[in-house]
C-alpha atoms as a PDB file:
ATOM      1  CA  MET A   1     165.163 264.116 126.148  1.00  0.00           C
ATOM      2  CA  THR A   2     167.105 267.369 125.869  1.00  0.00           C
ATOM      3  CA  ASN A   3     166.842 270.542 127.876  1.00  0.00           C
ATOM      4  CA  ARG A   4     166.796 274.001 126.279  1.00  0.00           C
ATOM      5  CA  ARG A   5     170.578 274.511 126.480  1.00  0.00           C
ATOM      6  CA  GLU A   6     171.277 271.079 125.004  1.00  0.00           C
ATOM      7  CA  PHE A   7     168.688 271.780 122.311  1.00  0.00           C
ATOM      8  CA  ILE A   8     170.449 274.999 121.235  1.00  0.00           C
ATOM      9  CA  THR A   9     173.829 273.268 121.342  1.00  0.00           C
ATOM     10  CA  LEU A  10     172.437 270.531 119.101  1.00  0.00           C
ATOM     11  CA  LEU A  11     171.551 273.187 116.546  1.00  0.00           C
ATOM     12  CA  GLY A  12     175.025 274.658 116.489  1.00  0.00           C
ATOM     13  CA  GLY A  13     175.556 276.464 119.774  1.00  0.00           C
ATOM     14  CA  ALA A  14     174.602 279.887 121.087  1.00  0.00           C
ATOM     15  CA  ALA A  15     177.133 281.510 118.763  1.00  0.00           C
ATOM     16  CA  ALA A  16     174.971 280.442 115.826  1.00  0.00           C
ATOM     17  CA  TRP A  17     172.167 282.790 116.918  1.00  0.00           C
ATOM     18  CA  PRO A  18     173.059 286.444 116.144  1.00  0.00           C
ATOM     19  CA  LEU A  19     170.789 289.122 117.591  1.00  0.00           C
ATOM     20  CA  ALA A  20     170.606 290.998 114.311  1.00  0.00           C
ATOM     21  CA  VAL A  21     169.789 290.142 110.709  1.00  0.00           C
ATOM     22  CA  SER A  22     171.406 291.998 107.838  1.00  0.00           C
ATOM     23  CA  ALA A  23     169.418 295.049 106.761  1.00  0.00           C
ATOM     24  CA  GLN A  24     169.972 293.962 103.161  1.00  0.00           C
ATOM     25  CA  GLN A  25     168.180 290.647 103.733  1.00  0.00           C
ATOM     26  CA  ALA A  26     164.904 290.444 101.833  1.00  0.00           C
ATOM     27  CA  LYS A  27     161.692 290.408 103.842  1.00  0.00           C
ATOM     28  CA  LYS A  28     160.618 286.834 104.597  1.00  0.00           C
ATOM     29  CA  ARG A  29     157.044 285.604 104.856  1.00  0.00           C
ATOM     30  CA  LEU A  30     155.791 283.559 107.791  1.00  0.00           C
ATOM     31  CA  GLY A  31     152.334 281.961 107.910  1.00  0.00           C
ATOM     32  CA  VAL A  32     150.954 281.008 111.340  1.00  0.00           C
ATOM     33  CA  LEU A  33     148.004 278.624 111.612  1.00  0.00           C
ATOM     34  CA  MET A  34     146.677 278.291 115.166  1.00  0.00           C
ATOM     35  CA  SER A  35     144.115 275.644 116.085  1.00  0.00           C
ATOM     36  CA  ARG A  36     142.337 277.665 118.781  1.00  0.00           C
ATOM     37  CA  ALA A  37     140.294 280.843 118.964  1.00  0.00           C
ATOM     38  CA  LYS A  38     142.326 284.026 119.330  1.00  0.00           C
ATOM     39  CA  THR A  39     141.928 284.217 123.104  1.00  0.00           C
ATOM     40  CA  GLU A  40     144.079 283.761 126.180  1.00  0.00           C
ATOM     41  CA  PRO A  41     146.203 281.858 126.957  1.00  0.00           C
ATOM     42  CA  TRP A  42     146.988 281.176 123.291  1.00  0.00           C
ATOM     43  CA  LYS A  43     147.598 284.817 122.385  1.00  0.00           C
ATOM     44  CA  SER A  44     150.232 284.912 125.120  1.00  0.00           C
ATOM     45  CA  GLN A  45     151.764 281.658 123.907  1.00  0.00           C
ATOM     46  CA  LEU A  46     152.110 283.053 120.395  1.00  0.00           C
ATOM     47  CA  MET A  47     153.618 286.226 121.862  1.00  0.00           C
ATOM     48  CA  ILE A  48     156.343 284.037 123.409  1.00  0.00           C
ATOM     49  CA  PHE A  49     157.170 282.865 119.887  1.00  0.00           C
ATOM     50  CA  THR A  50     157.067 286.418 118.478  1.00  0.00           C
ATOM     51  CA  GLN A  51     159.397 287.710 121.183  1.00  0.00           C
ATOM     52  CA  GLY A  52     161.772 284.833 120.476  1.00  0.00           C
ATOM     53  CA  MET A  53     161.832 285.769 116.801  1.00  0.00           C
ATOM     54  CA  ARG A  54     162.652 289.382 117.694  1.00  0.00           C
ATOM     55  CA  LYS A  55     165.570 288.254 119.852  1.00  0.00           C
ATOM     56  CA  LEU A  56     166.914 286.410 116.817  1.00  0.00           C
ATOM     57  CA  GLY A  57     166.663 289.580 114.739  1.00  0.00           C
ATOM     58  CA  TRP A  58     163.388 288.992 112.914  1.00  0.00           C
ATOM     59  CA  ILE A  59     161.435 292.246 113.167  1.00  0.00           C
ATOM     60  CA  GLU A  60     157.872 292.456 111.903  1.00  0.00           C
ATOM     61  CA  GLY A  61     157.549 295.011 109.114  1.00  0.00           C
ATOM     62  CA  GLN A  62     161.312 295.191 108.549  1.00  0.00           C
ATOM     63  CA  ASN A  63     162.603 291.784 107.490  1.00  0.00           C
ATOM     64  CA  LEU A  64     159.549 289.683 108.347  1.00  0.00           C
ATOM     65  CA  GLU A  65     155.921 289.666 107.225  1.00  0.00           C
ATOM     66  CA  THR A  66     153.602 287.460 109.283  1.00  0.00           C
ATOM     67  CA  VAL A  67     150.024 286.415 108.607  1.00  0.00           C
ATOM     68  CA  GLU A  68     148.069 284.691 111.404  1.00  0.00           C
ATOM     69  CA  ARG A  69     144.975 282.565 111.069  1.00  0.00           C
ATOM     70  CA  TRP A  70     143.033 281.051 114.002  1.00  0.00           C
ATOM     71  CA  SER A  71     140.806 278.113 113.071  1.00  0.00           C
ATOM     72  CA  ALA A  72     139.075 277.685 116.489  1.00  0.00           C
ATOM     73  CA  GLY A  73     138.744 273.953 115.854  1.00  0.00           C
ATOM     74  CA  ASP A  74     136.696 274.392 112.674  1.00  0.00           C
ATOM     75  CA  LEU A  75     138.030 271.762 110.250  1.00  0.00           C
ATOM     76  CA  THR A  76     136.440 273.382 107.190  1.00  0.00           C
ATOM     77  CA  ARG A  77     138.002 276.708 108.076  1.00  0.00           C
ATOM     78  CA  THR A  78     141.320 274.949 108.651  1.00  0.00           C
ATOM     79  CA  GLU A  79     141.294 273.517 105.122  1.00  0.00           C
ATOM     80  CA  ASP A  80     140.427 276.936 103.652  1.00  0.00           C
ATOM     81  CA  TYR A  81     143.203 278.670 105.566  1.00  0.00           C
ATOM     82  CA  ALA A  82     145.752 276.035 104.524  1.00  0.00           C
ATOM     83  CA  THR A  83     144.825 276.478 100.853  1.00  0.00           C
ATOM     84  CA  ASP A  84     144.887 280.275 101.086  1.00  0.00           C
ATOM     85  CA  PHE A  85     148.316 280.257 102.713  1.00  0.00           C
ATOM     86  CA  VAL A  86     149.809 278.198  99.917  1.00  0.00           C
ATOM     87  CA  ASP A  87     147.964 279.703  96.931  1.00  0.00           C
ATOM     88  CA  MET A  88     147.796 283.365  97.958  1.00  0.00           C
ATOM     89  CA  PHE A  89     150.283 284.271 100.707  1.00  0.00           C
ATOM     90  CA  LYS A  90     153.060 281.919  99.536  1.00  0.00           C
ATOM     91  CA  PRO A  91     155.070 281.933 102.784  1.00  0.00           C
ATOM     92  CA  ASP A  92     158.713 280.982 103.176  1.00  0.00           C
ATOM     93  CA  VAL A  93     157.837 279.036 106.354  1.00  0.00           C
ATOM     94  CA  LEU A  94     154.613 277.893 107.997  1.00  0.00           C
ATOM     95  CA  LEU A  95     154.128 277.550 111.759  1.00  0.00           C
ATOM     96  CA  SER A  96     151.341 275.090 112.522  1.00  0.00           C
ATOM     97  CA  GLN A  97     149.668 274.222 115.829  1.00  0.00           C
ATOM     98  CA  SER A  98     147.890 270.846 116.225  1.00  0.00           C
ATOM     99  CA  SER A  99     147.715 267.623 114.248  1.00  0.00           C
ATOM    100  CA  ALA A 100     144.592 268.686 112.345  1.00  0.00           C
ATOM    101  CA  ASN A 101     146.266 271.882 111.136  1.00  0.00           C
ATOM    102  CA  LEU A 102     149.411 270.039 110.099  1.00  0.00           C
ATOM    103  CA  ALA A 103     147.405 267.444 108.167  1.00  0.00           C
ATOM    104  CA  ALA A 104     145.577 270.214 106.283  1.00  0.00           C
ATOM    105  CA  LEU A 105     148.826 272.006 105.428  1.00  0.00           C
ATOM    106  CA  GLN A 106     150.391 268.753 104.253  1.00  0.00           C
ATOM    107  CA  ARG A 107     147.497 268.293 101.858  1.00  0.00           C
ATOM    108  CA  ALA A 108     148.068 271.816 100.572  1.00  0.00           C
ATOM    109  CA  THR A 109     151.863 271.668 100.102  1.00  0.00           C
ATOM    110  CA  SER A 110     154.741 269.222 100.067  1.00  0.00           C
ATOM    111  CA  THR A 111     157.424 271.846  99.469  1.00  0.00           C
ATOM    112  CA  ILE A 112     156.902 274.840 101.810  1.00  0.00           C
ATOM    113  CA  PRO A 113     158.749 274.197 105.100  1.00  0.00           C
ATOM    114  CA  ILE A 114     156.430 273.609 108.074  1.00  0.00           C
ATOM    115  CA  VAL A 115     157.372 273.855 111.750  1.00  0.00           C
ATOM    116  CA  PHE A 116     154.695 272.170 113.837  1.00  0.00           C
ATOM    117  CA  LEU A 117     153.654 272.550 117.480  1.00  0.00           C
ATOM    118  CA  SER A 118     151.597 270.197 119.672  1.00  0.00           C
ATOM    119  CA  VAL A 119     151.415 267.411 117.118  1.00  0.00           C
ATOM    120  CA  GLU A 120     151.070 263.708 117.797  1.00  0.00           C
ATOM    121  CA  GLN A 121     153.716 261.270 116.620  1.00  0.00           C
ATOM    122  CA  GLY A 122     153.299 259.523 113.300  1.00  0.00           C
ATOM    123  CA  PHE A 123     153.743 262.447 110.903  1.00  0.00           C
ATOM    124  CA  VAL A 124     157.442 261.810 110.269  1.00  0.00           C
ATOM    125  CA  PRO A 125     159.244 258.495 109.644  1.00  0.00           C
ATOM    126  CA  ASN A 126     162.193 259.322 111.889  1.00  0.00           C
ATOM    127  CA  LEU A 127     162.316 261.788 114.801  1.00  0.00           C
ATOM    128  CA  ALA A 128     166.070 262.390 114.495  1.00  0.00           C
ATOM    129  CA  HIS A 129     165.942 262.905 110.725  1.00  0.00           C
ATOM    130  CA  PRO A 130     162.343 263.643 109.751  1.00  0.00           C
ATOM    131  CA  GLY A 131     163.079 264.329 106.079  1.00  0.00           C
ATOM    132  CA  GLY A 132     160.583 266.033 103.791  1.00  0.00           C
ATOM    133  CA  ASN A 133     159.284 269.539 104.471  1.00  0.00           C
ATOM    134  CA  ILE A 134     158.170 269.234 108.118  1.00  0.00           C
ATOM    135  CA  THR A 135     159.732 269.205 111.574  1.00  0.00           C
ATOM    136  CA  GLY A 136     158.906 270.680 114.937  1.00  0.00           C
ATOM    137  CA  PHE A 137     157.727 269.988 118.447  1.00  0.00           C
ATOM    138  CA  GLY A 138     155.581 266.996 119.242  1.00  0.00           C
ATOM    139  CA  ASN A 139     153.243 266.010 122.019  1.00  0.00           C
ATOM    140  CA  PRO A 140     154.248 263.325 124.528  1.00  0.00           C
ATOM    141  CA  GLU A 141     154.095 259.681 123.596  1.00  0.00           C
ATOM    142  CA  PHE A 142     150.611 258.213 123.861  1.00  0.00           C
ATOM    143  CA  SER A 143     151.722 256.207 126.885  1.00  0.00           C
ATOM    144  CA  ILE A 144     151.007 259.379 128.884  1.00  0.00           C
ATOM    145  CA  ALA A 145     147.385 258.234 128.745  1.00  0.00           C
ATOM    146  CA  GLY A 146     148.283 255.695 131.410  1.00  0.00           C
ATOM    147  CA  LYS A 147     149.546 258.509 133.634  1.00  0.00           C
ATOM    148  CA  LEU A 148     146.241 260.360 133.259  1.00  0.00           C
ATOM    149  CA  ALA A 149     144.294 257.249 134.239  1.00  0.00           C
ATOM    150  CA  ASP A 150     146.592 256.696 137.207  1.00  0.00           C
ATOM    151  CA  LEU A 151     146.173 260.277 138.433  1.00  0.00           C
ATOM    152  CA  ILE A 152     142.371 260.271 138.346  1.00  0.00           C
ATOM    153  CA  LYS A 153     142.462 256.916 140.148  1.00  0.00           C
ATOM    154  CA  GLN A 154     144.754 258.432 142.795  1.00  0.00           C
ATOM    155  CA  MET A 155     142.377 261.363 143.203  1.00  0.00           C
ATOM    156  CA  VAL A 156     139.372 259.057 143.680  1.00  0.00           C
ATOM    157  CA  PRO A 157     140.592 255.574 144.719  1.00  0.00           C
ATOM    158  CA  SER A 158     137.039 254.177 144.531  1.00  0.00           C
ATOM    159  CA  ILE A 159     137.029 254.599 140.731  1.00  0.00           C
ATOM    160  CA  THR A 160     136.614 251.260 138.966  1.00  0.00           C
ATOM    161  CA  ARG A 161     135.742 252.560 135.500  1.00  0.00           C
ATOM    162  CA  VAL A 162     137.456 255.193 133.359  1.00  0.00           C
ATOM    163  CA  ALA A 163     135.683 256.771 130.383  1.00  0.00           C
ATOM    164  CA  PHE A 164     137.815 258.355 127.674  1.00  0.00           C
ATOM    165  CA  VAL A 165     135.824 261.269 126.207  1.00  0.00           C
ATOM    166  CA  PHE A 166     137.175 262.328 122.821  1.00  0.00           C
ATOM    167  CA  PRO A 167     136.353 263.920 119.444  1.00  0.00           C
ATOM    168  CA  PRO A 168     136.581 261.049 116.924  1.00  0.00           C
ATOM    169  CA  GLU A 169     137.417 263.416 114.057  1.00  0.00           C
ATOM    170  CA  GLU A 170     140.852 264.133 115.581  1.00  0.00           C
ATOM    171  CA  PRO A 171     143.295 261.546 114.154  1.00  0.00           C
ATOM    172  CA  GLN A 172     145.283 261.190 117.383  1.00  0.00           C
ATOM    173  CA  SER A 173     142.219 260.303 119.466  1.00  0.00           C
ATOM    174  CA  ARG A 174     142.193 256.646 118.412  1.00  0.00           C
ATOM    175  CA  LEU A 175     145.862 256.220 119.325  1.00  0.00           C
ATOM    176  CA  PHE A 176     145.232 257.871 122.678  1.00  0.00           C
ATOM    177  CA  LEU A 177     142.270 255.564 123.212  1.00  0.00           C
ATOM    178  CA  ARG A 178     144.373 252.464 122.597  1.00  0.00           C
ATOM    179  CA  ALA A 179     146.956 253.722 125.102  1.00  0.00           C
ATOM    180  CA  VAL A 180     144.285 254.201 127.789  1.00  0.00           C
ATOM    181  CA  GLU A 181     142.934 250.714 127.076  1.00  0.00           C
ATOM    182  CA  ALA A 182     146.424 249.235 127.440  1.00  0.00           C
ATOM    183  CA  ALA A 183     146.997 250.944 130.801  1.00  0.00           C
ATOM    184  CA  ALA A 184     143.603 250.137 132.343  1.00  0.00           C
ATOM    185  CA  PRO A 185     144.206 246.502 133.489  1.00  0.00           C
ATOM    186  CA  ALA A 186     147.323 247.374 135.503  1.00  0.00           C
ATOM    187  CA  LEU A 187     145.346 250.084 137.328  1.00  0.00           C
ATOM    188  CA  GLY A 188     142.459 247.744 138.102  1.00  0.00           C
ATOM    189  CA  VAL A 189     139.901 249.742 136.134  1.00  0.00           C
ATOM    190  CA  ASP A 190     137.600 249.016 133.211  1.00  0.00           C
ATOM    191  CA  MET A 191     137.951 251.226 130.147  1.00  0.00           C
ATOM    192  CA  MET A 192     135.029 252.839 128.308  1.00  0.00           C
ATOM    193  CA  ALA A 193     135.243 254.747 125.008  1.00  0.00           C
ATOM    194  CA  ALA A 194     133.000 257.810 124.798  1.00  0.00           C
ATOM    195  CA  PRO A 195     133.256 259.491 121.382  1.00  0.00           C
ATOM    196  CA  VAL A 196     131.430 262.818 121.111  1.00  0.00           C
ATOM    197  CA  HIS A 197     130.466 264.477 117.808  1.00  0.00           C
ATOM    198  CA  SER A 198     128.291 267.421 118.892  1.00  0.00           C
ATOM    199  CA  THR A 199     127.020 269.550 121.777  1.00  0.00           C
ATOM    200  CA  VAL A 200     123.781 267.545 121.964  1.00  0.00           C
ATOM    201  CA  GLU A 201     125.705 264.284 122.006  1.00  0.00           C
ATOM    202  CA  PHE A 202     128.062 265.633 124.684  1.00  0.00           C
ATOM    203  CA  GLU A 203     125.148 266.280 127.046  1.00  0.00           C
ATOM    204  CA  ALA A 204     123.647 262.859 126.364  1.00  0.00           C
ATOM    205  CA  THR A 205     127.019 261.121 126.807  1.00  0.00           C
ATOM    206  CA  LEU A 206     127.688 262.693 130.201  1.00  0.00           C
ATOM    207  CA  ALA A 207     124.164 261.931 131.356  1.00  0.00           C
ATOM    208  CA  ARG A 208     124.759 258.289 130.461  1.00  0.00           C
ATOM    209  CA  LEU A 209     128.174 258.172 132.128  1.00  0.00           C
ATOM    210  CA  ALA A 210     126.780 259.744 135.300  1.00  0.00           C
ATOM    211  CA  GLY A 211     124.642 256.633 135.657  1.00  0.00           C
ATOM    212  CA  GLU A 212     127.715 254.412 135.785  1.00  0.00           C
ATOM    213  CA  PRO A 213     129.006 253.572 139.295  1.00  0.00           C
ATOM    214  CA  ASN A 214     132.485 254.639 140.425  1.00  0.00           C
ATOM    215  CA  ILE A 215     133.457 256.310 137.162  1.00  0.00           C
ATOM    216  CA  GLY A 216     136.119 258.878 136.278  1.00  0.00           C
ATOM    217  CA  LEU A 217     136.645 260.759 133.020  1.00  0.00           C
ATOM    218  CA  ILE A 218     139.679 261.519 130.855  1.00  0.00           C
ATOM    219  CA  PHE A 219     139.490 264.319 128.291  1.00  0.00           C
ATOM    220  CA  SER A 220     142.192 264.305 125.585  1.00  0.00           C
ATOM    221  CA  SER A 221     140.723 267.453 124.033  1.00  0.00           C
ATOM    222  CA  THR A 222     138.755 270.513 125.077  1.00  0.00           C
ATOM    223  CA  PHE A 223     136.603 270.144 121.943  1.00  0.00           C
ATOM    224  CA  PRO A 224     137.145 273.655 120.493  1.00  0.00           C
ATOM    225  CA  SER A 225     133.666 273.487 118.952  1.00  0.00           C
ATOM    226  CA  LEU A 226     132.136 273.028 122.444  1.00  0.00           C
ATOM    227  CA  GLY A 227     134.207 275.410 124.536  1.00  0.00           C
ATOM    228  CA  VAL A 228     135.817 275.026 127.951  1.00  0.00           C
ATOM    229  CA  LYS A 229     132.961 276.687 129.851  1.00  0.00           C
ATOM    230  CA  LEU A 230     130.321 274.276 128.532  1.00  0.00           C
ATOM    231  CA  ILE A 231     132.509 271.251 129.247  1.00  0.00           C
ATOM    232  CA  VAL A 232     133.311 272.270 132.824  1.00  0.00           C
ATOM    233  CA  GLU A 233     129.737 273.254 133.656  1.00  0.00           C
ATOM    234  CA  THR A 234     128.305 270.016 132.268  1.00  0.00           C
ATOM    235  CA  VAL A 235     130.856 267.826 134.049  1.00  0.00           C
ATOM    236  CA  ALA A 236     130.174 269.703 137.319  1.00  0.00           C
ATOM    237  CA  ARG A 237     126.406 269.369 136.927  1.00  0.00           C
ATOM    238  CA  TYR A 238     126.726 265.601 136.728  1.00  0.00           C
ATOM    239  CA  ARG A 239     129.287 265.619 139.582  1.00  0.00           C
ATOM    240  CA  LEU A 240     131.857 263.591 137.660  1.00  0.00           C
ATOM    241  CA  PRO A 241     135.584 263.559 138.543  1.00  0.00           C
ATOM    242  CA  ALA A 242     137.635 264.317 135.422  1.00  0.00           C
ATOM    243  CA  ILE A 243     141.205 264.955 134.318  1.00  0.00           C
ATOM    244  CA  TYR A 244     142.098 267.071 131.285  1.00  0.00           C
ATOM    245  CA  VAL A 245     145.159 267.536 129.080  1.00  0.00           C
ATOM    246  CA  GLU A 246     144.619 271.293 128.826  1.00  0.00           C
ATOM    247  CA  GLU A 247     145.550 273.437 131.806  1.00  0.00           C
ATOM    248  CA  THR A 248     143.063 276.241 131.126  1.00  0.00           C
ATOM    249  CA  VAL A 249     140.245 273.886 132.113  1.00  0.00           C
ATOM    250  CA  THR A 250     141.335 273.884 135.762  1.00  0.00           C
ATOM    251  CA  THR A 251     141.264 277.673 135.958  1.00  0.00           C
ATOM    252  CA  GLU A 252     137.648 277.472 134.754  1.00  0.00           C
ATOM    253  CA  GLY A 253     136.731 274.902 137.394  1.00  0.00           C
ATOM    254  CA  GLY A 254     137.976 271.574 136.044  1.00  0.00           C
ATOM    255  CA  LEU A 255     139.197 269.148 138.720  1.00  0.00           C
ATOM    256  CA  MET A 256     142.713 268.383 137.491  1.00  0.00           C
ATOM    257  CA  HIS A 257     145.103 268.661 134.559  1.00  0.00           C
ATOM    258  CA  TYR A 258     148.270 266.857 133.526  1.00  0.00           C
ATOM    259  CA  PHE A 259     150.212 267.318 130.316  1.00  0.00           C
ATOM    260  CA  ASN A 260     153.282 268.960 128.870  1.00  0.00           C
ATOM    261  CA  ASP A 261     153.795 272.714 129.165  1.00  0.00           C
ATOM    262  CA  PRO A 262     152.917 274.169 125.711  1.00  0.00           C
ATOM    263  CA  SER A 263     155.057 277.258 126.273  1.00  0.00           C
ATOM    264  CA  GLU A 264     158.189 275.079 125.910  1.00  0.00           C
ATOM    265  CA  ALA A 265     157.496 274.552 122.201  1.00  0.00           C
ATOM    266  CA  PHE A 266     156.625 278.216 121.625  1.00  0.00           C
ATOM    267  CA  ARG A 267     159.950 279.231 123.236  1.00  0.00           C
ATOM    268  CA  LEU A 268     162.006 276.823 121.114  1.00  0.00           C
ATOM    269  CA  ALA A 269     160.203 277.147 117.770  1.00  0.00           C
ATOM    270  CA  PRO A 270     161.889 280.460 116.830  1.00  0.00           C
ATOM    271  CA  PHE A 271     165.239 278.659 116.633  1.00  0.00           C
ATOM    272  CA  TYR A 272     163.856 276.284 114.011  1.00  0.00           C
ATOM    273  CA  VAL A 273     162.069 278.997 112.019  1.00  0.00           C
ATOM    274  CA  ASP A 274     165.231 281.106 112.061  1.00  0.00           C
ATOM    275  CA  ARG A 275     167.392 278.247 110.786  1.00  0.00           C
ATOM    276  CA  ILE A 276     164.932 277.421 108.003  1.00  0.00           C
ATOM    277  CA  LEU A 277     164.651 281.060 106.920  1.00  0.00           C
ATOM    278  CA  LYS A 278     168.443 281.046 106.634  1.00  0.00           C
ATOM    279  CA  GLY A 279     168.477 277.977 104.405  1.00  0.00           C
ATOM    280  CA  THR A 280     168.418 274.873 106.607  1.00  0.00           C
ATOM    281  CA  LYS A 281     166.149 272.098 105.346  1.00  0.00           C
ATOM    282  CA  PRO A 282     163.391 271.236 107.837  1.00  0.00           C
ATOM    283  CA  GLY A 283     163.997 267.529 107.292  1.00  0.00           C
ATOM    284  CA  ASP A 284     167.500 267.956 108.718  1.00  0.00           C
ATOM    285  CA  LEU A 285     166.198 269.331 112.043  1.00  0.00           C
ATOM    286  CA  PRO A 286     165.203 266.668 114.615  1.00  0.00           C
ATOM    287  CA  VAL A 287     161.692 266.559 116.041  1.00  0.00           C
ATOM    288  CA  HIS A 288     161.804 267.714 119.660  1.00  0.00           C
ATOM    289  CA  LEU A 289     159.617 265.973 122.252  1.00  0.00           C
ATOM    290  CA  PRO A 290     158.487 267.767 125.434  1.00  0.00           C
ATOM    291  CA  THR A 291     160.509 267.604 128.622  1.00  0.00           C
ATOM    292  CA  LYS A 292     158.353 269.781 130.907  1.00  0.00           C
ATOM    293  CA  PHE A 293     155.083 268.488 132.376  1.00  0.00           C
ATOM    294  CA  LYS A 294     152.662 270.081 134.798  1.00  0.00           C
ATOM    295  CA  LEU A 295     150.087 268.762 137.270  1.00  0.00           C
ATOM    296  CA  THR A 296     147.378 271.222 138.316  1.00  0.00           C
ATOM    297  CA  ILE A 297     144.654 270.522 140.883  1.00  0.00           C
ATOM    298  CA  ASN A 298     141.588 272.643 141.580  1.00  0.00           C
ATOM    299  CA  ARG A 299     141.014 272.023 145.284  1.00  0.00           C
ATOM    300  CA  LYS A 300     137.853 274.117 145.315  1.00  0.00           C
ATOM    301  CA  THR A 301     136.303 271.816 142.720  1.00  0.00           C
ATOM    302  CA  ALA A 302     137.431 268.763 144.659  1.00  0.00           C
ATOM    303  CA  THR A 303     135.663 270.082 147.761  1.00  0.00           C
ATOM    304  CA  ALA A 304     132.479 270.721 145.761  1.00  0.00           C
ATOM    305  CA  LEU A 305     132.584 267.092 144.611  1.00  0.00           C
ATOM    306  CA  GLY A 306     133.145 265.835 148.149  1.00  0.00           C
ATOM    307  CA  ILE A 307     136.690 264.721 147.320  1.00  0.00           C
ATOM    308  CA  GLU A 308     139.498 265.046 149.848  1.00  0.00           C
ATOM    309  CA  VAL A 309     142.633 265.485 147.740  1.00  0.00           C
ATOM    310  CA  PRO A 310     145.235 262.894 148.799  1.00  0.00           C
ATOM    311  CA  LEU A 311     148.340 264.382 150.388  1.00  0.00           C
ATOM    312  CA  GLY A 312     150.538 262.613 147.852  1.00  0.00           C
ATOM    313  CA  LEU A 313     148.890 264.536 145.010  1.00  0.00           C
ATOM    314  CA  LEU A 314     149.029 267.837 146.852  1.00  0.00           C
ATOM    315  CA  VAL A 315     152.780 267.634 147.433  1.00  0.00           C
ATOM    316  CA  THR A 316     153.555 266.596 143.858  1.00  0.00           C
ATOM    317  CA  ALA A 317     151.223 269.104 142.152  1.00  0.00           C
ATOM    318  CA  ASP A 318     152.901 272.006 140.374  1.00  0.00           C
ATOM    319  CA  GLU A 319     149.903 274.215 141.136  1.00  0.00           C
ATOM    320  CA  VAL A 320     146.958 273.927 143.513  1.00  0.00           C
ATOM    321  CA  ILE A 321     143.988 276.249 142.912  1.00  0.00           C
ATOM    322  CA  GLU A 322     142.320 276.962 146.257  1.00  0.00           C
END
């Protein structure tokens, strides 16, 4: 893994990043396809990227024209946006968040450069030299699923079963599921798959899981079509301990979160977009994997569930919500 300084050095050193772009340079077009609704914290994350572009001399309305689209987890909308970007906007570079968005853009174009964020591995043949028209910033290896199972087991040592709740339409879910299944025996827990297709099915699934003894839940997605509030309220109603990959869930009342810090990719992505706009081929830029991870615990939720948070988790947590 590389830190931010090593990352910049890999791309040619700080001297390669001037703070100004020639006034004579033609205006470039950037298409941004976000996988979430246009709400916090994702608006702030995208602002991190925008500010990074400004520091590299790319000023909106002067030498850069940006079009944003927010799919909010709607796969049909995602396909429409991907087609519109390619056929109508014709960007010089596309910035894509999530595996589903990247897959849709790949179906729409094999030539326009794409810089991806928060994408599972498997989209490029080689991380060091991805080739083709895509590169970017991936999610952790699927082995992190074992860490999630271990953490929920640490939180509630009596857990003997772990249910992996996931949207089956997301391509990475099956790989995540296999990783959880592989980790379960070493942790002394039984693994249960719990695919969810709809709001009605989500309610029925949690009702069923609540009837299982000594069970904990792992969520690999916040199911954009369901919404964080519905997920947290339903899990709380059935008094189920759960761990999530998205941090915003804990601020809404989820028990705990562990995953990489998404802001790392949004801070580094401007360097890749800048290089591509200046002529570098995306396939020559290595895929960067995350180096920063965060553990968040909502102690108030733990108390409501009758859970006394182990001291070992409290001292290792990056944030504890009281």
